[in-house]
Amino acid sequence: MLIRSLRRNLAYTLLLISSVAIAQSGTPSNTAVEDKLAPIMLDDLHYYSVAHDKMKAFFITHFGATPMREQPTNPLHFIDFLAISPTQSTINLSPKGPFEGVRVGDPKRWEKQTVPPAAALPAMYGVHWIAFTTNSLAKSLATLEANGVSVASRSFKLPGQPMTRAAAVHTPDYNLIVLVERPDAKLNSAYAIDHVQLLVGSVNDNVKFYSEVFRGVVKSRNDQATLMEIGKHLFVLSEPAALGLERETVIKRDPTQFRSNIDHIGFLYADAIPAYENAVKLGYKFLLKPTLFNYFDKPTPYAFGILFSPDGLQCEMYTEVGRVGPRTMVAN
């Protein structure tokens, strides 16, 4: 039994390494090419934070993030777009709202209780961590520690990957960034997004959601994790026990509270309407159908559609006129 388990975990690890290489290269899977309802890519991992300026400096200083510029048409000045690797999703940063120039349907949208950031906050369903690939864990840790980054764990256990070396550090608002050592990974930047870890109440419910709505493809399953490719990025789905958590201690996402974390994820489409209509046909409810976004009462290149995962994580379908791939314009 032990040998069988080790073989299964080794196979899972090798598959993840292979899938990481595909995701970092920006090469779409055959499914993504053929499926007209699939997004172009995951394009937005969006943090709201009370430590906005510190978070921006954290990613730029310690992980070599590149600030990206928007199109010249009515850019959104309350968002910082940071690219860790050129072919991947940006990490987007915003302070707590309200935002000047943005009209919201709910006037109480930002009347929330602010939960002060702390390392000991209970785990919450949604994005549990973002993992970055590094060629050398030892070198990365040494550099980060020398520059004052708080290390959460020097020997971090990844679900389903017991033989993969990893460590974890805290962002300024105590979110986790996990460093995953992949010595043979061909990186075109200091780091790249390795995977996004989702803490979910039910793996089956989330697999159904991400496969039906965002055309995610299951790459592998084991007792601790399900690996999915969604929008050319890798997602690992795990229930609490697989992450060493007790289910009764994990809290639900609370719309009446503001907690510094990844508030939502966004997927880019050339045209989001067919994917929206397909999801509606399958019975999914949207908070907002794909709708043109105005900023200071003037149109932007964006149209957003919003719905929620089974665990209440906000997910967006959106289009940006004139862009059908990763951001390429670097901010001055």
Protein backbone atom coordinates (compact mmCIF):
# COMPACT_ATOMS: atom_id res chain seq x y z
CA MET A 1 0.00 0.00 0.00
CA LEU A 2 2.81 2.42 0.88
CA ILE A 3 4.62 1.76 -2.40
CA ARG A 4 1.39 2.22 -4.35
CA SER A 5 0.74 5.54 -2.54
CA LEU A 6 4.26 6.79 -3.22
CA ARG A 7 3.98 5.84 -6.89
CA ARG A 8 0.66 7.64 -7.17
CA ASN A 9 2.06 10.78 -5.52
CA LEU A 10 5.16 10.64 -7.71
CA ALA A 11 2.99 10.39 -10.80
CA TYR A 12 0.95 13.36 -9.57
CA THR A 13 4.11 15.39 -8.95
CA LEU A 14 5.53 14.59 -12.38
CA LEU A 15 2.25 15.55 -14.00
CA LEU A 16 2.22 18.83 -12.10
CA ILE A 17 5.80 19.61 -13.16
CA SER A 18 4.85 18.92 -16.79
CA SER A 19 1.70 21.02 -16.49
CA VAL A 20 3.65 23.88 -14.87
CA ALA A 21 5.95 23.95 -17.90
CA ILE A 22 2.92 24.14 -20.22
CA ALA A 23 1.27 26.90 -18.17
CA GLN A 24 4.45 28.99 -17.96
CA SER A 25 5.12 28.69 -21.66
CA GLY A 26 1.70 30.10 -22.45
CA THR A 27 0.98 27.21 -24.80
CA PRO A 28 -2.74 26.38 -24.70
CA SER A 29 -3.97 22.85 -24.27
CA ASN A 30 -5.83 21.25 -27.17
CA THR A 31 -9.04 21.59 -25.16
CA ALA A 32 -8.57 25.35 -24.81
CA VAL A 33 -7.91 25.72 -28.55
CA GLU A 34 -10.99 23.76 -29.59
CA ASP A 35 -13.41 24.99 -26.94
CA LYS A 36 -14.98 28.28 -27.99
CA LEU A 37 -16.49 28.71 -24.52
CA ALA A 38 -13.11 28.57 -22.80
CA PRO A 39 -11.46 31.80 -21.58
CA ILE A 40 -8.31 33.03 -23.26
CA MET A 41 -6.57 32.89 -19.88
CA LEU A 42 -6.77 33.52 -16.19
CA ASP A 43 -5.88 37.21 -16.21
CA ASP A 44 -6.55 38.63 -12.74
CA LEU A 45 -5.62 37.47 -9.24
CA HIS A 46 -7.00 40.44 -7.37
CA TYR A 47 -5.99 41.40 -3.84
CA TYR A 48 -7.87 44.01 -1.84
CA SER A 49 -5.64 45.09 1.02
CA VAL A 50 -5.38 47.63 3.83
CA ALA A 51 -1.61 47.43 3.19
CA HIS A 52 -1.84 48.35 -0.49
CA ASP A 53 1.41 50.32 -0.83
CA LYS A 54 3.37 47.73 1.15
CA MET A 55 1.91 44.92 -0.94
CA LYS A 56 2.93 46.67 -4.15
CA ALA A 57 6.48 47.19 -2.90
CA PHE A 58 6.59 43.59 -1.64
CA PHE A 59 5.93 42.01 -5.04
CA ILE A 60 8.14 44.45 -6.95
CA THR A 61 11.09 44.38 -4.55
CA HIS A 62 11.17 40.71 -3.59
CA PHE A 63 9.68 38.91 -6.59
CA GLY A 64 10.71 41.15 -9.47
CA ALA A 65 7.12 42.01 -10.40
CA THR A 66 6.79 44.39 -13.34
CA PRO A 67 4.13 47.14 -13.15
CA MET A 68 2.02 46.95 -16.30
CA ARG A 69 0.31 49.84 -18.04
CA GLU A 70 -3.28 49.75 -19.24
CA GLN A 71 -4.57 50.89 -22.57
CA PRO A 72 -4.67 54.68 -22.86
CA THR A 73 -8.47 54.72 -22.92
CA ASN A 74 -9.70 55.66 -19.44
CA PRO A 75 -7.29 53.57 -17.31
CA LEU A 76 -8.31 52.46 -13.80
CA HIS A 77 -6.09 54.40 -11.43
CA PHE A 78 -7.14 52.48 -8.31
CA ILE A 79 -5.62 49.19 -9.54
CA ASP A 80 -1.96 48.23 -9.81
CA PHE A 81 -1.30 45.47 -12.38
CA LEU A 82 1.85 43.49 -11.54
CA ALA A 83 3.30 40.79 -13.80
CA ILE A 84 5.42 38.09 -12.15
CA SER A 85 6.04 36.34 -15.48
CA PRO A 86 5.31 37.86 -18.92
CA THR A 87 2.97 35.15 -20.25
CA GLN A 88 0.81 34.78 -17.14
CA SER A 89 -1.94 36.42 -15.15
CA THR A 90 -1.15 39.65 -13.40
CA ILE A 91 -1.49 40.09 -9.67
CA ASN A 92 -3.79 43.06 -9.25
CA LEU A 93 -3.76 45.21 -6.13
CA SER A 94 -6.37 47.64 -4.84
CA PRO A 95 -6.90 49.32 -1.48
CA LYS A 96 -10.21 49.03 0.30
CA GLY A 97 -12.96 50.99 -1.49
CA PRO A 98 -14.95 53.06 -2.15
CA PHE A 99 -13.11 54.32 -5.24
CA GLU A 100 -13.52 57.77 -6.68
CA GLY A 101 -15.08 57.61 -10.12
CA VAL A 102 -16.72 54.21 -9.59
CA ARG A 103 -20.48 53.93 -9.23
CA VAL A 104 -21.79 50.81 -7.50
CA GLY A 105 -25.32 49.47 -7.45
CA ASP A 106 -25.23 48.78 -3.72
CA PRO A 107 -24.56 52.00 -1.73
CA LYS A 108 -23.44 49.87 1.24
CA ARG A 109 -20.90 47.95 -0.86
CA TRP A 110 -17.97 49.16 1.25
CA GLU A 111 -19.70 49.54 4.62
CA LYS A 112 -17.94 46.50 6.01
CA GLN A 113 -16.24 45.57 9.23
CA THR A 114 -12.49 45.58 8.61
CA VAL A 115 -10.70 42.52 9.96
CA PRO A 116 -7.13 43.60 10.90
CA PRO A 117 -4.49 41.47 9.12
CA ALA A 118 -2.85 38.87 11.36
CA ALA A 119 -0.95 35.63 10.94
CA ALA A 120 -3.35 33.77 13.22
CA LEU A 121 -6.62 34.51 11.40
CA PRO A 122 -8.70 31.39 10.73
CA ALA A 123 -8.45 29.90 7.26
CA MET A 124 -11.17 30.99 4.84
CA TYR A 125 -12.57 29.27 1.78
CA GLY A 126 -11.29 30.63 -1.52
CA VAL A 127 -7.71 31.24 -2.65
CA HIS A 128 -5.56 29.81 0.15
CA TRP A 129 -2.23 30.71 -1.40
CA ILE A 130 -0.46 31.57 -4.64
CA ALA A 131 2.63 29.49 -5.34
CA PHE A 132 5.66 30.77 -7.24
CA THR A 133 8.15 28.56 -9.05
CA THR A 134 11.82 28.99 -8.19
CA ASN A 135 14.84 27.08 -9.52
CA SER A 136 16.55 27.19 -6.10
CA LEU A 137 14.56 27.23 -2.89
CA ALA A 138 17.67 27.75 -0.75
CA LYS A 139 18.80 30.82 -2.70
CA SER A 140 15.32 32.31 -2.78
CA LEU A 141 14.81 31.86 0.96
CA ALA A 142 18.24 33.26 1.79
CA THR A 143 17.61 36.37 -0.30
CA LEU A 144 14.08 36.92 1.02
CA GLU A 145 15.14 36.47 4.66
CA ALA A 146 18.12 38.79 4.21
CA ASN A 147 15.70 41.43 2.92
CA GLY A 148 13.38 41.07 5.90
CA VAL A 149 10.58 38.95 4.45
CA SER A 150 8.70 37.00 7.12
CA VAL A 151 9.10 33.23 6.65
CA ALA A 152 6.03 31.22 7.63
CA SER A 153 7.59 27.78 6.97
CA ARG A 154 10.98 26.65 5.68
CA SER A 155 9.67 23.16 4.97
CA PHE A 156 6.17 23.47 3.60
CA LYS A 157 4.03 20.45 2.77
CA LEU A 158 2.24 20.65 -0.55
CA PRO A 159 -0.93 18.55 -0.84
CA GLY A 160 -0.32 15.62 -3.13
CA GLN A 161 3.37 16.43 -3.60
CA PRO A 162 5.23 14.99 -0.59
CA MET A 163 8.58 14.90 -2.42
CA THR A 164 8.48 18.47 -3.73
CA ARG A 165 10.53 20.99 -1.79
CA ALA A 166 8.59 24.10 -0.82
CA ALA A 167 8.57 26.96 1.68
CA ALA A 168 6.09 29.69 2.57
CA VAL A 169 6.42 33.39 3.33
CA HIS A 170 3.98 36.04 4.52
CA THR A 171 2.96 39.06 2.50
CA PRO A 172 2.69 42.36 4.46
CA ASP A 173 -0.97 41.55 5.13
CA TYR A 174 -0.19 37.94 6.18
CA ASN A 175 -1.40 36.20 3.07
CA LEU A 176 0.70 33.20 2.06
CA ILE A 177 3.08 33.01 -0.88
CA VAL A 178 4.43 29.49 -1.34
CA LEU A 179 7.78 28.93 -3.07
CA VAL A 180 8.03 25.68 -5.01
CA GLU A 181 11.42 24.38 -6.10
CA ARG A 182 11.49 23.08 -9.66
CA PRO A 183 15.20 23.01 -10.63
CA ASP A 184 14.53 22.17 -14.27
CA ALA A 185 11.81 24.77 -14.86
CA LYS A 186 12.74 27.15 -17.68
CA LEU A 187 11.83 30.56 -16.28
CA ASN A 188 11.86 33.76 -18.29
CA SER A 189 11.76 35.83 -15.11
CA ALA A 190 12.98 35.46 -11.53
CA TYR A 191 9.77 33.68 -10.56
CA ALA A 192 6.58 32.46 -12.23
CA ILE A 193 3.14 31.49 -10.99
CA ASP A 194 3.37 27.78 -10.22
CA HIS A 195 -0.22 27.19 -9.12
CA VAL A 196 -3.15 28.69 -7.28
CA GLN A 197 -4.29 26.71 -4.24
CA LEU A 198 -8.02 26.76 -3.58
CA LEU A 199 -9.41 25.75 -0.20
CA VAL A 200 -12.84 24.32 -0.98
CA GLY A 201 -15.74 22.85 0.92
CA SER A 202 -16.34 20.19 -1.73
CA VAL A 203 -13.85 19.24 -4.43
CA ASN A 204 -16.62 17.66 -6.51
CA ASP A 205 -18.79 20.79 -6.43
CA ASN A 206 -15.88 23.00 -7.43
CA VAL A 207 -14.69 20.69 -10.20
CA LYS A 208 -18.21 20.81 -11.62
CA PHE A 209 -18.30 24.61 -11.36
CA TYR A 210 -14.90 25.35 -12.90
CA SER A 211 -15.30 22.74 -15.62
CA GLU A 212 -18.81 23.84 -16.65
CA VAL A 213 -18.36 27.61 -16.32
CA PHE A 214 -14.67 28.16 -17.13
CA ARG A 215 -14.00 24.93 -19.05
CA GLY A 216 -11.36 23.74 -16.61
CA VAL A 217 -9.84 20.33 -17.24
CA VAL A 218 -8.94 17.87 -14.47
CA LYS A 219 -5.34 16.79 -14.95
CA SER A 220 -4.98 14.51 -11.92
CA ARG A 221 -6.61 13.52 -8.66
CA ASN A 222 -5.40 11.93 -5.45
CA ASP A 223 -6.59 11.79 -1.85
CA GLN A 224 -5.29 15.27 -1.03
CA ALA A 225 -5.68 17.34 -4.15
CA THR A 226 -7.29 17.69 -7.53
CA LEU A 227 -5.19 19.41 -10.16
CA MET A 228 -7.05 21.44 -12.80
CA GLU A 229 -5.91 23.53 -15.71
CA ILE A 230 -8.19 26.57 -15.92
CA GLY A 231 -7.44 29.42 -18.26
CA LYS A 232 -3.88 28.16 -18.98
CA HIS A 233 -3.04 28.30 -15.27
CA LEU A 234 -2.87 25.51 -12.74
CA PHE A 235 -5.27 25.30 -9.82
CA VAL A 236 -5.03 22.81 -6.97
CA LEU A 237 -8.32 22.11 -5.18
CA SER A 238 -8.19 20.72 -1.65
CA GLU A 239 -10.68 20.24 1.15
CA PRO A 240 -9.66 21.28 4.70
CA ALA A 241 -8.35 17.90 5.91
CA ALA A 242 -5.95 17.69 2.97
CA LEU A 243 -4.35 20.95 4.16
CA GLY A 244 -4.15 19.87 7.78
CA LEU A 245 -7.19 21.95 8.76
CA GLU A 246 -10.27 21.01 10.72
CA ARG A 247 -13.39 21.75 8.71
CA GLU A 248 -15.18 23.38 11.64
CA THR A 249 -12.40 25.97 11.98
CA VAL A 250 -12.54 27.13 8.35
CA ILE A 251 -14.75 30.16 7.92
CA LYS A 252 -17.06 31.04 5.05
CA ARG A 253 -16.53 34.17 3.00
CA ASP A 254 -18.52 36.92 4.71
CA PRO A 255 -19.81 39.79 2.52
CA THR A 256 -20.22 41.99 5.61
CA GLN A 257 -16.50 41.87 6.40
CA PHE A 258 -13.43 43.27 4.67
CA ARG A 259 -10.48 40.95 4.97
CA SER A 260 -7.21 41.61 3.14
CA ASN A 261 -6.93 38.73 0.69
CA ILE A 262 -7.56 37.70 -2.89
CA ASP A 263 -11.08 38.99 -3.27
CA HIS A 264 -11.70 37.70 -6.77
CA ILE A 265 -10.22 36.05 -9.83
CA GLY A 266 -10.91 37.11 -13.41
CA PHE A 267 -10.82 35.29 -16.75
CA LEU A 268 -10.23 37.10 -20.05
CA TYR A 269 -12.41 36.39 -23.10
CA ALA A 270 -12.48 37.74 -26.62
CA ASP A 271 -16.26 37.71 -26.14
CA ALA A 272 -17.70 36.67 -22.77
CA ILE A 273 -21.33 36.54 -23.89
CA PRO A 274 -21.33 32.94 -25.23
CA ALA A 275 -19.69 31.65 -22.03
CA TYR A 276 -22.14 33.69 -19.95
CA GLU A 277 -25.13 32.36 -21.88
CA ASN A 278 -23.86 28.79 -21.56
CA ALA A 279 -23.45 29.17 -17.79
CA VAL A 280 -26.95 30.63 -17.46
CA LYS A 281 -28.34 27.74 -19.51
CA LEU A 282 -26.69 25.35 -17.03
CA GLY A 283 -28.44 27.10 -14.13
CA TYR A 284 -25.70 29.37 -12.78
CA LYS A 285 -26.79 32.70 -11.34
CA PHE A 286 -24.84 35.89 -12.07
CA LEU A 287 -24.60 38.94 -9.88
CA LEU A 288 -23.90 40.88 -13.07
CA LYS A 289 -24.08 39.86 -16.71
CA PRO A 290 -21.13 41.05 -18.88
CA THR A 291 -21.65 44.81 -18.74
CA LEU A 292 -19.56 47.77 -19.90
CA PHE A 293 -17.68 49.34 -17.00
CA ASN A 294 -17.69 53.14 -16.70
CA TYR A 295 -15.04 55.10 -14.81
CA PHE A 296 -15.77 58.76 -13.97
CA ASP A 297 -18.89 58.29 -16.11
CA LYS A 298 -16.85 57.50 -19.20
CA PRO A 299 -16.60 54.09 -20.88
CA THR A 300 -13.57 51.88 -20.34
CA PRO A 301 -12.37 49.02 -22.57
CA TYR A 302 -13.76 46.54 -20.01
CA ALA A 303 -17.00 44.60 -19.73
CA PHE A 304 -17.44 42.45 -16.62
CA GLY A 305 -19.71 39.56 -15.70
CA ILE A 306 -19.72 38.35 -12.08
CA LEU A 307 -20.75 35.09 -10.42
CA PHE A 308 -19.59 33.14 -7.38
CA SER A 309 -17.97 29.75 -6.85
CA PRO A 310 -19.66 27.18 -4.58
CA ASP A 311 -17.57 28.65 -1.73
CA GLY A 312 -18.47 32.28 -2.45
CA LEU A 313 -15.27 33.26 -4.26
CA GLN A 314 -16.06 36.01 -6.75
CA CYS A 315 -15.23 34.95 -10.30
CA GLU A 316 -15.33 37.28 -13.27
CA MET A 317 -15.77 36.84 -17.00
CA TYR A 318 -14.54 39.90 -18.79
CA THR A 319 -13.43 41.33 -22.08
CA GLU A 320 -11.00 44.14 -22.79
CA VAL A 321 -11.34 45.73 -26.21
CA GLY A 322 -8.18 45.23 -28.23
CA ARG A 323 -6.51 42.68 -25.93
CA VAL A 324 -6.67 38.91 -26.40
CA GLY A 325 -3.55 37.84 -24.50
CA PRO A 326 -1.31 38.75 -21.55
CA ARG A 327 -0.63 42.39 -20.78
CA THR A 328 2.43 43.59 -22.68
CA MET A 329 2.69 47.34 -21.99
CA VAL A 330 5.14 48.07 -19.18
CA ALA A 331 4.47 51.10 -16.97
CA ASN A 332 7.01 53.88 -17.10
